[in-house]
Amino acid sequence: MTILYVLAAALGAALLFLVQPMIAKMALPALGGSPAVWNTSLVFFQAALLAGYAYAHAATRWLRPGAQVGWFGDRLGGLGSTRSDRRF
């Protein structure tokens, strides 16, 4: 079971590293196209990844498994309620 968790974490990190340059390249022209924009984007994604790992570590360390379900469910429910009503 541990190998499954390791693979899930590695897959999540790999997907972030694939998406990171794509979003940075899209933001580059809109924000001036300087190297500082590229560097700031990369630092943001690395910080977001680290914050996500810290959040998951803290939740698994201090919450019981039953409480984790409620905690993460509340967080996901909160994300769903902030969705805009725009139709694409």
Protein backbone atom coordinates (compact mmCIF):
# COMPACT_ATOMS: atom_id res chain seq x y z
CA MET A 1 0.00 0.00 0.00
CA THR A 2 2.91 2.33 0.67
CA ILE A 3 4.08 2.00 -2.91
CA LEU A 4 0.66 3.22 -4.05
CA TYR A 5 1.06 6.39 -1.99
CA VAL A 6 4.55 6.95 -3.33
CA LEU A 7 3.34 6.51 -6.91
CA ALA A 8 0.42 8.89 -6.33
CA ALA A 9 2.73 11.58 -4.92
CA ALA A 10 5.22 11.11 -7.76
CA LEU A 11 2.45 11.31 -10.37
CA GLY A 12 1.07 14.48 -8.81
CA ALA A 13 4.50 16.12 -8.79
CA ALA A 14 5.19 15.02 -12.38
CA LEU A 15 1.89 16.45 -13.59
CA LEU A 16 2.60 19.73 -11.83
CA PHE A 17 6.02 19.90 -13.45
CA LEU A 18 4.38 19.34 -16.86
CA VAL A 19 1.71 22.00 -16.36
CA GLN A 20 4.02 24.56 -14.77
CA PRO A 21 5.93 25.58 -17.93
CA MET A 22 2.74 25.66 -20.02
CA ILE A 23 1.02 28.13 -17.71
CA ALA A 24 4.19 30.20 -17.37
CA LYS A 25 4.50 30.45 -21.16
CA MET A 26 0.87 31.59 -21.42
CA ALA A 27 1.36 34.24 -18.71
CA LEU A 28 4.67 35.50 -20.09
CA PRO A 29 3.32 37.75 -22.90
CA ALA A 30 0.46 39.09 -20.78
CA LEU A 31 2.79 40.12 -17.96
CA GLY A 32 5.55 41.75 -19.96
CA GLY A 33 7.66 38.83 -21.10
CA SER A 34 10.63 39.46 -18.81
CA PRO A 35 12.71 36.69 -17.26
CA ALA A 36 11.45 37.81 -13.85
CA VAL A 37 7.92 36.70 -14.83
CA TRP A 38 9.23 33.24 -15.70
CA ASN A 39 11.20 32.97 -12.45
CA THR A 40 8.26 34.18 -10.35
CA SER A 41 5.98 31.63 -11.97
CA LEU A 42 8.39 28.79 -11.27
CA VAL A 43 8.85 29.88 -7.65
CA PHE A 44 5.06 30.09 -7.20
CA PHE A 45 4.51 26.55 -8.46
CA GLN A 46 7.30 25.15 -6.32
CA ALA A 47 5.91 26.93 -3.25
CA ALA A 48 2.40 25.64 -4.03
CA LEU A 49 3.72 22.09 -4.28
CA LEU A 50 5.57 22.41 -0.98
CA ALA A 51 2.50 23.90 0.71
CA GLY A 52 0.36 21.03 -0.57
CA TYR A 53 2.79 18.46 0.79
CA ALA A 54 2.93 20.28 4.16
CA TYR A 55 -0.89 20.42 4.28
CA ALA A 56 -1.22 16.71 3.56
CA HIS A 57 1.49 15.84 6.09
CA ALA A 58 -0.11 17.93 8.83
CA ALA A 59 -3.56 16.50 8.18
CA THR A 60 -2.36 12.90 8.27
CA ARG A 61 -0.24 13.50 11.35
CA TRP A 62 -2.82 15.25 13.54
CA LEU A 63 -6.21 13.95 12.34
CA ARG A 64 -7.74 10.51 12.70
CA PRO A 65 -8.67 8.80 9.41
CA GLY A 66 -12.39 9.50 9.95
CA ALA A 67 -11.72 13.16 10.68
CA GLN A 68 -9.52 13.41 7.58
CA VAL A 69 -12.46 12.46 5.38
CA GLY A 70 -14.57 15.23 6.88
CA TRP A 71 -11.74 17.76 6.78
CA PHE A 72 -10.85 17.16 3.13
CA GLY A 73 -14.53 16.91 2.20
CA ASP A 74 -15.15 20.34 3.74
CA ARG A 75 -12.20 21.78 1.83
CA LEU A 76 -13.41 20.31 -1.47
CA GLY A 77 -16.96 21.46 -0.79
CA GLY A 78 -15.68 24.97 -0.19
CA LEU A 79 -13.88 24.91 -3.52
CA GLY A 80 -17.05 23.84 -5.28
CA SER A 81 -19.02 26.71 -3.78
CA THR A 82 -16.61 29.32 -5.18
CA ARG A 83 -17.15 28.18 -8.76
CA SER A 84 -18.38 30.90 -11.09
CA ASP A 85 -21.61 30.58 -13.04
CA ARG A 86 -20.01 31.34 -16.40
CA ARG A 87 -20.76 28.84 -19.13
CA PHE A 88 -18.12 27.91 -21.67
